[in-house]
Amino acid sequence: MKFPDRPVLIDPCNGVNKPTGLSKNLIRSWLTVLLVGLIALVIGLRPDIFGLDRGLYIGFYQILLILFGIGLMTLGASNMLKAFWGCDEKPLLVDIGSRMVATGYVICFFTALADAFGFGTNPPPEVLLGTLQSRGVIIGMIVICAGLIMMVRFKIPEDKSLTATTE
């Protein structure tokens, strides 16, 4: 069996000689994922806005919907920021930021579901989002935001073919 010339089949930039520009469709699609995650997060936090039944506490299914929303927002935001880099060389700070985003989501996930895993104060049939769990989710979201700031591309290189030189 003969393998193709490209050693990594998943990387779309492998074997590309010139860096490609911004992919506006890719950025728009990840922005859509981010907005769907925001809607899921708002439904999980405040279901009464959409006419859904809101209990006295934030229960297990609401926690799962909140985590689903945070996950979609994290996925959409990090991939949208990676799309701004295109096929250009990414600095080490972008890789550290992407790992920091993933670490922040893991912090959110495990602190929000501490009761379900048996680490919280409420036993598993009565899983609630308490004060300590919500503080842990906030800390995880701060870590996610710090990682996303690391991934921002502050300078977009100018396309030299579009600038006319006048001599």
N, C-alpha and C. Protein backbone atom coordinates (compact mmCIF):
# COMPACT_ATOMS: atom_id res chain seq x y z
N MET A 1 0.85 -1.17 0.00
CA MET A 1 0.00 0.00 0.00
C MET A 1 0.89 1.24 0.00
N LYS A 2 0.64 2.12 -0.96
CA LYS A 2 1.45 3.33 -1.09
C LYS A 2 0.74 4.49 -0.43
N PHE A 3 1.48 5.20 0.42
CA PHE A 3 0.95 6.37 1.07
C PHE A 3 1.16 7.59 0.18
N PRO A 4 0.29 8.56 0.26
CA PRO A 4 0.47 9.76 -0.55
C PRO A 4 1.67 10.58 -0.07
N ASP A 5 2.01 11.60 -0.85
CA ASP A 5 3.17 12.43 -0.53
C ASP A 5 2.99 13.20 0.77
N ARG A 6 1.74 13.51 1.08
CA ARG A 6 1.47 14.29 2.28
C ARG A 6 1.46 13.37 3.50
N PRO A 7 2.35 13.58 4.46
CA PRO A 7 2.40 12.68 5.61
C PRO A 7 1.23 12.85 6.56
N VAL A 8 0.63 14.03 6.61
CA VAL A 8 -0.50 14.26 7.48
C VAL A 8 -1.70 14.57 6.60
N LEU A 9 -2.70 13.72 6.63
CA LEU A 9 -3.84 13.88 5.74
C LEU A 9 -4.86 14.87 6.27
N ILE A 10 -4.86 15.13 7.56
CA ILE A 10 -5.87 15.99 8.14
C ILE A 10 -5.54 17.47 7.97
N ASP A 11 -4.27 17.81 7.96
CA ASP A 11 -3.85 19.20 7.90
C ASP A 11 -4.08 19.77 6.50
N PRO A 12 -4.97 20.75 6.32
CA PRO A 12 -5.22 21.30 4.99
C PRO A 12 -4.08 22.18 4.49
N CYS A 13 -3.20 22.61 5.38
CA CYS A 13 -2.11 23.49 4.98
C CYS A 13 -0.84 22.72 4.63
N ASN A 14 -0.85 21.41 4.77
CA ASN A 14 0.33 20.62 4.51
C ASN A 14 0.57 20.57 3.00
N GLY A 15 1.73 20.97 2.59
CA GLY A 15 2.06 20.95 1.17
C GLY A 15 1.67 22.22 0.44
N VAL A 16 1.11 23.20 1.13
CA VAL A 16 0.74 24.46 0.51
C VAL A 16 1.98 25.34 0.49
N ASN A 17 2.35 25.82 -0.70
CA ASN A 17 3.56 26.62 -0.82
C ASN A 17 3.37 28.04 -0.31
N LYS A 18 2.27 28.67 -0.68
CA LYS A 18 2.05 30.04 -0.24
C LYS A 18 0.96 30.06 0.81
N PRO A 19 1.07 30.96 1.76
CA PRO A 19 0.02 31.03 2.77
C PRO A 19 -1.28 31.56 2.17
N THR A 20 -2.35 30.93 2.52
CA THR A 20 -3.64 31.36 2.02
C THR A 20 -4.20 32.43 2.94
N GLY A 21 -5.13 33.22 2.43
CA GLY A 21 -5.72 34.30 3.21
C GLY A 21 -6.75 33.78 4.20
N LEU A 22 -7.51 34.70 4.73
CA LEU A 22 -8.54 34.36 5.70
C LEU A 22 -9.66 33.60 5.01
N SER A 23 -10.12 32.57 5.63
CA SER A 23 -11.27 31.83 5.12
C SER A 23 -12.52 32.39 5.80
N LYS A 24 -13.21 33.26 5.08
CA LYS A 24 -14.37 33.92 5.67
C LYS A 24 -15.50 32.94 5.94
N ASN A 25 -15.68 31.94 5.09
CA ASN A 25 -16.73 30.95 5.33
C ASN A 25 -16.44 30.11 6.57
N LEU A 26 -15.17 29.77 6.77
CA LEU A 26 -14.79 29.01 7.96
C LEU A 26 -15.01 29.84 9.22
N ILE A 27 -14.66 31.11 9.17
CA ILE A 27 -14.86 31.99 10.32
C ILE A 27 -16.34 32.15 10.62
N ARG A 28 -17.16 32.30 9.58
CA ARG A 28 -18.61 32.44 9.78
C ARG A 28 -19.23 31.18 10.35
N SER A 29 -18.78 30.02 9.90
CA SER A 29 -19.36 28.78 10.41
C SER A 29 -19.01 28.57 11.88
N TRP A 30 -17.77 28.87 12.28
CA TRP A 30 -17.41 28.73 13.68
C TRP A 30 -18.08 29.79 14.54
N LEU A 31 -18.33 30.96 13.97
CA LEU A 31 -19.08 31.98 14.69
C LEU A 31 -20.52 31.53 14.92
N THR A 32 -21.08 30.81 13.96
CA THR A 32 -22.43 30.25 14.12
C THR A 32 -22.46 29.22 15.24
N VAL A 33 -21.43 28.37 15.30
CA VAL A 33 -21.34 27.39 16.39
C VAL A 33 -21.25 28.10 17.73
N LEU A 34 -20.49 29.19 17.78
CA LEU A 34 -20.36 29.97 19.00
C LEU A 34 -21.71 30.54 19.43
N LEU A 35 -22.48 31.06 18.49
CA LEU A 35 -23.79 31.63 18.82
C LEU A 35 -24.79 30.56 19.26
N VAL A 36 -24.74 29.38 18.65
CA VAL A 36 -25.60 28.28 19.10
C VAL A 36 -25.24 27.87 20.52
N GLY A 37 -23.94 27.86 20.83
CA GLY A 37 -23.51 27.58 22.20
C GLY A 37 -23.98 28.64 23.18
N LEU A 38 -23.98 29.90 22.75
CA LEU A 38 -24.49 30.96 23.62
C LEU A 38 -25.97 30.79 23.90
N ILE A 39 -26.73 30.39 22.89
CA ILE A 39 -28.17 30.15 23.10
C ILE A 39 -28.38 28.98 24.06
N ALA A 40 -27.60 27.91 23.90
CA ALA A 40 -27.72 26.76 24.81
C ALA A 40 -27.33 27.16 26.23
N LEU A 41 -26.31 28.00 26.38
CA LEU A 41 -25.92 28.46 27.71
C LEU A 41 -27.00 29.29 28.35
N VAL A 42 -27.62 30.18 27.59
CA VAL A 42 -28.69 31.02 28.14
C VAL A 42 -29.91 30.17 28.51
N ILE A 43 -30.24 29.18 27.68
CA ILE A 43 -31.36 28.28 28.02
C ILE A 43 -31.04 27.51 29.30
N GLY A 44 -29.80 27.08 29.48
CA GLY A 44 -29.44 26.35 30.69
C GLY A 44 -29.45 27.23 31.93
N LEU A 45 -29.02 28.47 31.78
CA LEU A 45 -28.98 29.36 32.95
C LEU A 45 -30.34 29.94 33.28
N ARG A 46 -31.07 30.39 32.28
CA ARG A 46 -32.37 31.04 32.49
C ARG A 46 -33.43 30.46 31.57
N PRO A 47 -33.96 29.28 31.87
CA PRO A 47 -34.98 28.69 31.00
C PRO A 47 -36.30 29.45 31.01
N ASP A 48 -36.52 30.27 32.05
CA ASP A 48 -37.77 31.02 32.12
C ASP A 48 -37.85 32.10 31.05
N ILE A 49 -36.74 32.53 30.49
CA ILE A 49 -36.76 33.51 29.40
C ILE A 49 -37.46 32.93 28.18
N PHE A 50 -37.29 31.64 27.95
CA PHE A 50 -37.88 30.97 26.79
C PHE A 50 -39.21 30.29 27.13
N GLY A 51 -39.76 30.58 28.29
CA GLY A 51 -41.04 30.00 28.68
C GLY A 51 -40.94 28.58 29.20
N LEU A 52 -39.75 28.12 29.54
CA LEU A 52 -39.57 26.78 30.08
C LEU A 52 -39.67 26.82 31.60
N ASP A 53 -39.93 25.68 32.19
CA ASP A 53 -40.08 25.58 33.63
C ASP A 53 -38.73 25.73 34.32
N ARG A 54 -38.69 26.62 35.27
CA ARG A 54 -37.46 26.82 36.05
C ARG A 54 -37.72 26.36 37.47
N GLY A 55 -36.90 25.47 37.94
CA GLY A 55 -37.04 24.99 39.30
C GLY A 55 -36.42 25.95 40.29
N LEU A 56 -36.40 25.52 41.53
CA LEU A 56 -35.82 26.34 42.58
C LEU A 56 -34.30 26.38 42.50
N TYR A 57 -33.70 25.26 42.07
CA TYR A 57 -32.26 25.15 41.96
C TYR A 57 -31.88 24.81 40.53
N ILE A 58 -30.59 24.95 40.24
CA ILE A 58 -30.08 24.50 38.94
C ILE A 58 -29.75 23.02 39.09
N GLY A 59 -30.52 22.19 38.39
CA GLY A 59 -30.39 20.75 38.52
C GLY A 59 -29.43 20.14 37.50
N PHE A 60 -29.48 18.80 37.43
CA PHE A 60 -28.54 18.04 36.63
C PHE A 60 -28.66 18.35 35.13
N TYR A 61 -29.90 18.37 34.62
CA TYR A 61 -30.08 18.60 33.19
C TYR A 61 -29.71 20.03 32.80
N GLN A 62 -29.97 20.97 33.67
CA GLN A 62 -29.54 22.34 33.41
C GLN A 62 -28.02 22.44 33.42
N ILE A 63 -27.38 21.73 34.32
CA ILE A 63 -25.91 21.74 34.36
C ILE A 63 -25.36 21.17 33.06
N LEU A 64 -25.96 20.08 32.59
CA LEU A 64 -25.49 19.49 31.33
C LEU A 64 -25.69 20.45 30.16
N LEU A 65 -26.81 21.17 30.14
CA LEU A 65 -27.05 22.13 29.06
C LEU A 65 -26.09 23.32 29.16
N ILE A 66 -25.79 23.76 30.37
CA ILE A 66 -24.82 24.83 30.55
C ILE A 66 -23.45 24.38 30.05
N LEU A 67 -23.04 23.17 30.41
CA LEU A 67 -21.75 22.65 29.96
C LEU A 67 -21.71 22.43 28.46
N PHE A 68 -22.83 22.01 27.88
CA PHE A 68 -22.92 21.87 26.43
C PHE A 68 -22.75 23.22 25.75
N GLY A 69 -23.40 24.24 26.29
CA GLY A 69 -23.27 25.59 25.74
C GLY A 69 -21.86 26.13 25.87
N ILE A 70 -21.24 25.93 27.03
CA ILE A 70 -19.86 26.39 27.22
C ILE A 70 -18.94 25.64 26.27
N GLY A 71 -19.19 24.36 26.08
CA GLY A 71 -18.36 23.56 25.17
C GLY A 71 -18.48 24.03 23.72
N LEU A 72 -19.71 24.30 23.28
CA LEU A 72 -19.88 24.80 21.91
C LEU A 72 -19.26 26.18 21.74
N MET A 73 -19.42 27.02 22.75
CA MET A 73 -18.82 28.36 22.68
C MET A 73 -17.29 28.26 22.65
N THR A 74 -16.73 27.39 23.45
CA THR A 74 -15.28 27.20 23.49
C THR A 74 -14.77 26.67 22.16
N LEU A 75 -15.46 25.67 21.63
CA LEU A 75 -15.06 25.08 20.35
C LEU A 75 -15.15 26.10 19.23
N GLY A 76 -16.26 26.83 19.19
CA GLY A 76 -16.44 27.82 18.13
C GLY A 76 -15.45 28.96 18.22
N ALA A 77 -15.21 29.47 19.42
CA ALA A 77 -14.30 30.61 19.58
C ALA A 77 -12.86 30.22 19.28
N SER A 78 -12.42 29.06 19.78
CA SER A 78 -11.02 28.69 19.55
C SER A 78 -10.77 28.37 18.08
N ASN A 79 -11.68 27.68 17.42
CA ASN A 79 -11.47 27.38 16.01
C ASN A 79 -11.64 28.61 15.13
N MET A 80 -12.49 29.54 15.53
CA MET A 80 -12.60 30.79 14.78
C MET A 80 -11.30 31.58 14.88
N LEU A 81 -10.70 31.62 16.07
CA LEU A 81 -9.45 32.34 16.22
C LEU A 81 -8.31 31.63 15.48
N LYS A 82 -8.36 30.30 15.41
CA LYS A 82 -7.35 29.57 14.63
C LYS A 82 -7.53 29.82 13.14
N ALA A 83 -8.76 30.05 12.70
CA ALA A 83 -9.00 30.32 11.27
C ALA A 83 -8.41 31.65 10.85
N PHE A 84 -8.24 32.58 11.78
CA PHE A 84 -7.60 33.85 11.44
C PHE A 84 -6.12 33.67 11.08
N TRP A 85 -5.52 32.59 11.56
CA TRP A 85 -4.12 32.34 11.25
C TRP A 85 -3.95 31.72 9.87
N GLY A 86 -4.98 31.05 9.36
CA GLY A 86 -4.87 30.43 8.04
C GLY A 86 -3.77 29.38 8.03
N CYS A 87 -2.97 29.40 6.97
CA CYS A 87 -1.86 28.45 6.85
C CYS A 87 -0.53 29.08 7.26
N ASP A 88 -0.59 30.24 7.90
CA ASP A 88 0.64 30.87 8.37
C ASP A 88 1.19 30.11 9.57
N GLU A 89 2.44 30.35 9.83
CA GLU A 89 3.09 29.74 11.00
C GLU A 89 2.49 30.32 12.28
N LYS A 90 2.08 29.45 13.18
CA LYS A 90 1.48 29.90 14.44
C LYS A 90 2.57 29.94 15.51
N PRO A 91 2.60 30.99 16.31
CA PRO A 91 3.60 31.01 17.38
C PRO A 91 3.23 30.06 18.52
N LEU A 92 4.17 29.88 19.41
CA LEU A 92 3.98 28.98 20.54
C LEU A 92 2.86 29.45 21.45
N LEU A 93 2.65 30.75 21.54
CA LEU A 93 1.61 31.31 22.39
C LEU A 93 0.22 30.83 21.98
N VAL A 94 0.00 30.62 20.68
CA VAL A 94 -1.29 30.12 20.19
C VAL A 94 -1.50 28.68 20.66
N ASP A 95 -0.46 27.86 20.61
CA ASP A 95 -0.59 26.48 21.09
C ASP A 95 -0.82 26.43 22.60
N ILE A 96 -0.13 27.27 23.34
CA ILE A 96 -0.35 27.33 24.78
C ILE A 96 -1.77 27.80 25.07
N GLY A 97 -2.25 28.79 24.31
CA GLY A 97 -3.61 29.29 24.49
C GLY A 97 -4.66 28.23 24.21
N SER A 98 -4.45 27.43 23.15
CA SER A 98 -5.44 26.39 22.84
C SER A 98 -5.48 25.31 23.93
N ARG A 99 -4.34 25.00 24.50
CA ARG A 99 -4.32 24.03 25.60
C ARG A 99 -4.92 24.63 26.88
N MET A 100 -4.73 25.92 27.05
CA MET A 100 -5.31 26.59 28.21
C MET A 100 -6.84 26.63 28.10
N VAL A 101 -7.35 26.81 26.87
CA VAL A 101 -8.79 26.78 26.65
C VAL A 101 -9.35 25.40 27.01
N ALA A 102 -8.67 24.36 26.57
CA ALA A 102 -9.12 23.00 26.88
C ALA A 102 -9.05 22.72 28.39
N THR A 103 -8.00 23.21 29.04
CA THR A 103 -7.88 23.04 30.49
C THR A 103 -9.00 23.77 31.22
N GLY A 104 -9.34 24.97 30.77
CA GLY A 104 -10.44 25.72 31.37
C GLY A 104 -11.76 25.00 31.24
N TYR A 105 -11.99 24.35 30.09
CA TYR A 105 -13.24 23.61 29.94
C TYR A 105 -13.26 22.39 30.85
N VAL A 106 -12.14 21.74 31.02
CA VAL A 106 -12.08 20.59 31.94
C VAL A 106 -12.36 21.05 33.37
N ILE A 107 -11.85 22.22 33.75
CA ILE A 107 -12.14 22.77 35.08
C ILE A 107 -13.64 23.03 35.21
N CYS A 108 -14.24 23.63 34.21
CA CYS A 108 -15.69 23.88 34.23
C CYS A 108 -16.47 22.58 34.36
N PHE A 109 -16.08 21.60 33.58
CA PHE A 109 -16.82 20.33 33.54
C PHE A 109 -16.78 19.62 34.89
N PHE A 110 -15.59 19.47 35.43
CA PHE A 110 -15.48 18.69 36.66
C PHE A 110 -15.95 19.44 37.90
N THR A 111 -15.87 20.76 37.91
CA THR A 111 -16.40 21.46 39.06
C THR A 111 -17.92 21.54 39.00
N ALA A 112 -18.49 21.66 37.81
CA ALA A 112 -19.96 21.72 37.71
C ALA A 112 -20.58 20.37 38.05
N LEU A 113 -19.93 19.30 37.69
CA LEU A 113 -20.47 17.97 37.96
C LEU A 113 -19.82 17.29 39.16
N ALA A 114 -19.35 18.08 40.11
CA ALA A 114 -18.71 17.50 41.29
C ALA A 114 -19.69 16.65 42.09
N ASP A 115 -20.94 17.10 42.20
CA ASP A 115 -21.94 16.30 42.92
C ASP A 115 -22.23 14.99 42.20
N ALA A 116 -22.28 15.03 40.88
CA ALA A 116 -22.57 13.81 40.12
C ALA A 116 -21.44 12.79 40.24
N PHE A 117 -20.19 13.28 40.39
CA PHE A 117 -19.06 12.38 40.54
C PHE A 117 -18.85 11.94 41.98
N GLY A 118 -19.63 12.50 42.90
CA GLY A 118 -19.53 12.11 44.30
C GLY A 118 -18.57 12.96 45.12
N PHE A 119 -18.06 14.05 44.56
CA PHE A 119 -17.13 14.90 45.30
C PHE A 119 -17.84 16.05 46.01
N GLY A 120 -19.06 16.35 45.63
CA GLY A 120 -19.77 17.50 46.20
C GLY A 120 -20.47 17.17 47.49
N THR A 121 -21.26 18.12 47.96
CA THR A 121 -21.96 17.94 49.23
C THR A 121 -23.29 17.21 49.06
N ASN A 122 -23.87 17.24 47.86
CA ASN A 122 -25.14 16.55 47.63
C ASN A 122 -24.89 15.18 47.03
N PRO A 123 -25.58 14.16 47.49
CA PRO A 123 -25.39 12.83 46.90
C PRO A 123 -25.92 12.80 45.46
N PRO A 124 -25.50 11.83 44.66
CA PRO A 124 -25.84 11.80 43.24
C PRO A 124 -27.33 11.88 42.85
N PRO A 125 -28.29 11.41 43.62
CA PRO A 125 -29.66 11.64 43.13
C PRO A 125 -30.08 13.11 43.18
N GLU A 126 -29.49 13.90 44.05
CA GLU A 126 -29.85 15.30 44.19
C GLU A 126 -28.69 16.20 43.75
N VAL A 127 -28.35 16.13 42.48
CA VAL A 127 -27.23 16.91 41.95
C VAL A 127 -27.68 18.35 41.75
N LEU A 128 -26.96 19.27 42.37
CA LEU A 128 -27.26 20.69 42.26
C LEU A 128 -26.00 21.46 41.95
N LEU A 129 -26.17 22.65 41.38
CA LEU A 129 -25.04 23.55 41.15
C LEU A 129 -24.97 24.51 42.33
N GLY A 130 -24.08 24.21 43.26
CA GLY A 130 -23.97 25.03 44.46
C GLY A 130 -23.03 26.21 44.27
N THR A 131 -22.75 26.87 45.38
CA THR A 131 -21.91 28.06 45.34
C THR A 131 -20.48 27.72 44.95
N LEU A 132 -19.92 26.67 45.55
CA LEU A 132 -18.55 26.29 45.22
C LEU A 132 -18.42 25.82 43.77
N GLN A 133 -19.44 25.07 43.30
CA GLN A 133 -19.40 24.60 41.91
C GLN A 133 -19.48 25.77 40.94
N SER A 134 -20.34 26.74 41.24
CA SER A 134 -20.46 27.88 40.33
C SER A 134 -19.19 28.73 40.35
N ARG A 135 -18.52 28.82 41.48
CA ARG A 135 -17.24 29.53 41.52
C ARG A 135 -16.20 28.78 40.70
N GLY A 136 -16.22 27.48 40.75
CA GLY A 136 -15.30 26.69 39.93
C GLY A 136 -15.56 26.86 38.45
N VAL A 137 -16.83 26.96 38.08
CA VAL A 137 -17.17 27.20 36.67
C VAL A 137 -16.68 28.58 36.24
N ILE A 138 -16.84 29.56 37.11
CA ILE A 138 -16.36 30.92 36.80
C ILE A 138 -14.84 30.92 36.64
N ILE A 139 -14.13 30.22 37.51
CA ILE A 139 -12.68 30.14 37.39
C ILE A 139 -12.29 29.46 36.08
N GLY A 140 -13.00 28.39 35.73
CA GLY A 140 -12.73 27.72 34.46
C GLY A 140 -12.99 28.62 33.26
N MET A 141 -14.04 29.44 33.34
CA MET A 141 -14.33 30.36 32.24
C MET A 141 -13.28 31.47 32.16
N ILE A 142 -12.73 31.88 33.29
CA ILE A 142 -11.64 32.86 33.27
C ILE A 142 -10.40 32.26 32.59
N VAL A 143 -10.13 30.99 32.88
CA VAL A 143 -8.99 30.32 32.23
C VAL A 143 -9.25 30.20 30.73
N ILE A 144 -10.49 29.90 30.33
CA ILE A 144 -10.84 29.83 28.91
C ILE A 144 -10.62 31.18 28.24
N CYS A 145 -11.08 32.24 28.88
CA CYS A 145 -10.92 33.59 28.30
C CYS A 145 -9.45 33.97 28.18
N ALA A 146 -8.63 33.61 29.17
CA ALA A 146 -7.20 33.91 29.08
C ALA A 146 -6.56 33.14 27.92
N GLY A 147 -6.97 31.90 27.73
CA GLY A 147 -6.45 31.13 26.60
C GLY A 147 -6.90 31.69 25.26
N LEU A 148 -8.13 32.17 25.19
CA LEU A 148 -8.62 32.76 23.94
C LEU A 148 -7.88 34.05 23.62
N ILE A 149 -7.55 34.83 24.64
CA ILE A 149 -6.79 36.06 24.41
C ILE A 149 -5.40 35.72 23.88
N MET A 150 -4.82 34.62 24.34
CA MET A 150 -3.51 34.20 23.82
C MET A 150 -3.57 33.81 22.35
N MET A 151 -4.74 33.40 21.88
CA MET A 151 -4.86 32.91 20.50
C MET A 151 -5.19 34.01 19.50
N VAL A 152 -5.44 35.22 19.96
CA VAL A 152 -5.82 36.32 19.07
C VAL A 152 -4.64 36.71 18.19
N ARG A 153 -4.95 36.92 16.91
CA ARG A 153 -3.93 37.42 15.98
C ARG A 153 -4.10 38.92 15.89
N PHE A 154 -3.13 39.64 16.45
CA PHE A 154 -3.27 41.08 16.53
C PHE A 154 -2.86 41.78 15.24
N LYS A 155 -1.92 41.22 14.51
CA LYS A 155 -1.48 41.82 13.25
C LYS A 155 -1.78 40.86 12.11
N ILE A 156 -2.58 41.33 11.17
CA ILE A 156 -2.83 40.54 9.96
C ILE A 156 -1.89 41.08 8.88
N PRO A 157 -1.08 40.23 8.26
CA PRO A 157 -0.12 40.73 7.28
C PRO A 157 -0.84 41.28 6.06
N GLU A 158 -0.24 42.32 5.51
CA GLU A 158 -0.82 42.93 4.32
C GLU A 158 -0.55 42.06 3.11
N ASP A 159 -1.50 42.04 2.20
CA ASP A 159 -1.33 41.30 0.95
C ASP A 159 -0.57 42.21 -0.01
N LYS A 160 0.66 41.82 -0.34
CA LYS A 160 1.51 42.70 -1.16
C LYS A 160 1.05 42.78 -2.59
N SER A 161 0.24 41.83 -3.03
CA SER A 161 -0.24 41.88 -4.41
C SER A 161 -1.33 42.93 -4.58
N LEU A 162 -1.99 43.33 -3.51
CA LEU A 162 -3.05 44.31 -3.61
C LEU A 162 -2.55 45.74 -3.49
N THR A 163 -1.38 45.93 -2.89
CA THR A 163 -0.87 47.29 -2.73
C THR A 163 -0.11 47.70 -3.97
N ALA A 164 -0.44 48.84 -4.50
CA ALA A 164 0.23 49.34 -5.70
C ALA A 164 1.41 50.20 -5.28
N THR A 165 2.54 49.98 -5.90
CA THR A 165 3.72 50.76 -5.59
C THR A 165 3.81 51.90 -6.59
N THR A 166 3.94 53.09 -6.09
CA THR A 166 4.10 54.27 -6.95
C THR A 166 5.50 54.80 -6.79
N GLU A 167 6.19 54.88 -7.87
CA GLU A 167 7.56 55.36 -7.81
C GLU A 167 7.71 56.58 -8.67
